[in-house]
Amino acid sequence: WVDDSMMDDPEDKKPDDWVEEKRMVDAEAKKPDDWDDEEDGEWEAPMKDNPAYKGEWYVKRISNPAYKGLWEAKKIANPEYEDDDAVYKYADFGFIGFDLWQVKGGTIFDNIIITDDKSEADTFAKKWKALSEVEKAKKKEEDDAKKAEEKKDDDKEDDDDDDDEEDKTESEEM
């Protein structure tokens, strides 16, 4: 099986007079009179565009006689096939799984609904919103209490540090 619809022409050859060099040394350039090899280095003639350069040479492409088109699997009739519009429907879902890749751990998924009834989804969304607001309020209370506790601990540690400094100055005075 041949995948390429076009191929290089085997009879096409690069012309003998084809020029490969894009730039060439300017033969008319001369070393300046005030050029000093010790100060300026060895003089090199400047380069100029080659007028005979026509670009890179590519082999001519022709249609591939062995190409038969894109490959497709043969389609054969299946006498046992029956079209089923409800193949995706289940009477009851026992479980649902998510395969996730997370950078930050600790994400929890809950309150998942699978339905095709808009009114059921709307009712569920209202119930979820009320529950979510209660959860957010409780979380805020817990976070505030935790911050207050941490602040008390920090203040207590700061007071302890002051005592240590007083002990040092007293011992130095003696």
Protein backbone atom coordinates (compact mmCIF):
# COMPACT_ATOMS: atom_id res chain seq x y z
CA TRP A 1 0.00 0.00 0.00
CA VAL A 2 1.37 3.44 -0.97
CA ASP A 3 0.42 6.43 1.21
CA ASP A 4 1.88 9.23 -0.93
CA SER A 5 -0.19 10.58 -3.83
CA MET A 6 2.84 12.41 -5.28
CA MET A 7 6.41 11.22 -5.80
CA ASP A 8 9.75 12.57 -7.02
CA ASP A 9 10.15 12.30 -10.80
CA PRO A 10 12.88 9.65 -11.35
CA GLU A 11 13.77 11.18 -14.74
CA ASP A 12 14.26 14.72 -13.40
CA LYS A 13 17.92 15.71 -12.97
CA LYS A 14 19.50 18.89 -11.63
CA PRO A 15 20.78 21.05 -14.51
CA ASP A 16 24.55 21.20 -14.92
CA ASP A 17 24.57 25.01 -14.81
CA TRP A 18 22.57 25.21 -11.54
CA VAL A 19 24.32 27.47 -9.01
CA GLU A 20 24.23 26.41 -5.34
CA GLU A 21 25.88 29.49 -3.78
CA LYS A 22 23.49 32.23 -2.70
CA ARG A 23 26.31 34.72 -2.04
CA MET A 24 29.76 35.04 -3.60
CA VAL A 25 32.97 36.97 -3.04
CA ASP A 26 32.98 40.37 -4.76
CA ALA A 27 35.84 39.98 -7.29
CA GLU A 28 35.86 43.71 -8.08
CA ALA A 29 36.52 44.71 -4.47
CA LYS A 30 40.02 45.87 -3.68
CA LYS A 31 41.88 46.19 -0.41
CA PRO A 32 41.66 49.82 0.82
CA ASP A 33 44.91 51.81 0.69
CA ASP A 34 44.74 52.71 4.40
CA TRP A 35 44.21 49.08 5.50
CA ASP A 36 46.79 47.96 8.08
CA ASP A 37 47.02 44.18 8.49
CA GLU A 38 48.56 44.51 11.96
CA GLU A 39 45.83 46.82 13.29
CA ASP A 40 42.81 45.78 11.21
CA GLY A 41 43.57 42.08 10.69
CA GLU A 42 43.79 40.18 7.44
CA TRP A 43 41.63 41.76 4.72
CA GLU A 44 38.79 39.70 3.30
CA ALA A 45 36.81 40.73 0.25
CA PRO A 46 33.13 41.46 0.96
CA MET A 47 30.36 39.11 -0.15
CA LYS A 48 27.61 40.06 -2.59
CA ASP A 49 24.44 38.39 -3.87
CA ASN A 50 25.07 35.87 -6.62
CA PRO A 51 23.08 36.97 -9.73
CA ALA A 52 23.16 33.40 -11.13
CA TYR A 53 21.52 31.94 -8.00
CA LYS A 54 17.95 30.81 -8.75
CA GLY A 55 17.10 29.34 -5.33
CA GLU A 56 17.28 25.81 -4.00
CA TRP A 57 16.72 23.09 -6.55
CA TYR A 58 13.93 20.57 -5.93
CA VAL A 59 13.06 17.45 -7.88
CA LYS A 60 9.86 17.81 -9.88
CA ARG A 61 6.88 16.02 -8.28
CA ILE A 62 4.57 13.82 -10.33
CA SER A 63 1.47 11.76 -9.58
CA ASN A 64 2.28 8.38 -8.05
CA PRO A 65 0.92 5.65 -10.33
CA ALA A 66 0.88 3.14 -7.42
CA TYR A 67 -1.34 5.38 -5.27
CA LYS A 68 -4.85 3.98 -4.92
CA GLY A 69 -6.33 6.62 -2.60
CA LEU A 70 -6.85 6.79 1.15
CA TRP A 71 -7.13 3.42 2.81
CA GLU A 72 -10.55 2.59 4.20
CA ALA A 73 -11.72 -0.52 5.97
CA LYS A 74 -14.15 -2.59 3.96
CA LYS A 75 -17.71 -2.25 5.06
CA ILE A 76 -19.59 -5.50 5.26
CA ALA A 77 -23.18 -6.00 6.26
CA ASN A 78 -23.88 -7.28 9.79
CA PRO A 79 -27.17 -9.20 9.75
CA GLU A 80 -27.33 -9.25 13.59
CA TYR A 81 -27.08 -5.45 13.98
CA GLU A 82 -30.06 -3.69 15.55
CA ASP A 83 -30.21 0.07 15.98
CA ASP A 84 -30.91 0.98 19.64
CA ASP A 85 -31.74 4.61 20.50
CA ALA A 86 -31.71 3.87 24.25
CA VAL A 87 -28.32 2.15 24.44
CA TYR A 88 -27.01 4.87 26.79
CA LYS A 89 -29.97 4.76 29.22
CA TYR A 90 -29.69 2.99 32.57
CA ALA A 91 -32.49 2.47 35.09
CA ASP A 92 -30.18 3.18 38.04
CA PHE A 93 -26.62 4.39 38.43
CA GLY A 94 -24.94 2.78 41.42
CA PHE A 95 -21.63 4.59 41.08
CA ILE A 96 -19.95 7.26 39.03
CA GLY A 97 -16.19 7.65 38.63
CA PHE A 98 -13.91 10.52 37.69
CA ASP A 99 -10.34 10.06 36.58
CA LEU A 100 -8.67 13.38 37.37
CA TRP A 101 -5.11 14.66 37.49
CA GLN A 102 -4.68 17.48 39.96
CA VAL A 103 -1.76 19.62 40.97
CA LYS A 104 -3.40 20.61 44.26
CA GLY A 105 -4.83 17.78 46.34
CA GLY A 106 -7.80 17.81 48.66
CA THR A 107 -10.53 18.52 46.14
CA ILE A 108 -13.84 16.89 47.04
CA PHE A 109 -16.64 16.16 44.61
CA ASP A 110 -20.17 15.71 45.94
CA ASN A 111 -23.77 16.43 44.99
CA ILE A 112 -23.52 15.03 41.47
CA ILE A 113 -26.71 14.64 39.49
CA ILE A 114 -27.29 12.86 36.20
CA THR A 115 -30.66 13.59 34.69
CA ASP A 116 -32.46 14.55 31.52
CA ASP A 117 -35.30 16.30 33.40
CA LYS A 118 -34.83 20.09 33.62
CA SER A 119 -37.24 20.57 36.53
CA GLU A 120 -35.43 17.90 38.57
CA ALA A 121 -32.10 19.61 37.86
CA ASP A 122 -33.53 23.02 38.88
CA THR A 123 -34.90 21.62 42.15
CA PHE A 124 -31.55 19.98 42.88
CA ALA A 125 -29.68 23.25 42.12
CA LYS A 126 -31.88 25.23 44.58
CA LYS A 127 -31.32 22.65 47.30
CA TRP A 128 -27.57 22.62 46.60
CA LYS A 129 -27.32 26.42 46.67
CA ALA A 130 -28.99 26.60 50.12
CA LEU A 131 -26.69 23.87 51.47
CA SER A 132 -23.63 25.51 49.93
CA GLU A 133 -24.38 28.86 51.62
CA VAL A 134 -24.66 27.14 55.02
CA GLU A 135 -21.39 25.28 54.44
CA LYS A 136 -19.58 28.49 53.43
CA ALA A 137 -20.82 30.29 56.58
CA LYS A 138 -19.63 27.41 58.83
CA LYS A 139 -16.27 27.33 57.05
CA LYS A 140 -15.84 31.08 57.55
CA GLU A 141 -16.63 30.75 61.27
CA GLU A 142 -14.06 27.95 61.65
CA ASP A 143 -11.39 29.90 59.75
CA ASP A 144 -11.99 33.03 61.86
CA ALA A 145 -11.77 31.01 65.07
CA LYS A 146 -8.55 29.39 63.86
CA LYS A 147 -7.02 32.78 63.02
CA ALA A 148 -7.96 34.16 66.43
CA GLU A 149 -6.37 31.14 68.13
CA GLU A 150 -3.18 31.54 66.06
CA LYS A 151 -3.04 35.22 66.93
CA LYS A 152 -3.31 34.42 70.66
CA ASP A 153 -0.47 31.90 70.31
CA ASP A 154 1.71 34.44 68.46
CA ASP A 155 1.07 37.13 71.10
CA LYS A 156 1.95 34.68 73.87
CA GLU A 157 5.21 33.75 72.11
CA ASP A 158 6.08 37.45 71.69
CA ASP A 159 5.57 38.01 75.46
CA ASP A 160 7.85 35.05 76.22
CA ASP A 161 10.57 36.52 73.98
CA ASP A 162 10.54 39.79 75.97
CA ASP A 163 11.24 37.90 79.20
CA ASP A 164 14.28 36.22 77.65
CA GLU A 165 15.73 39.58 76.65
CA GLU A 166 15.21 40.99 80.18
CA ASP A 167 17.04 37.98 81.65
CA LYS A 168 20.00 38.63 79.33
CA THR A 169 20.31 42.30 80.26
CA GLU A 170 20.09 41.48 84.00
CA SER A 171 22.86 38.86 83.74
CA GLU A 172 25.06 41.26 81.79
CA GLU A 173 24.65 43.98 84.43
CA MET A 174 25.84 41.69 87.20
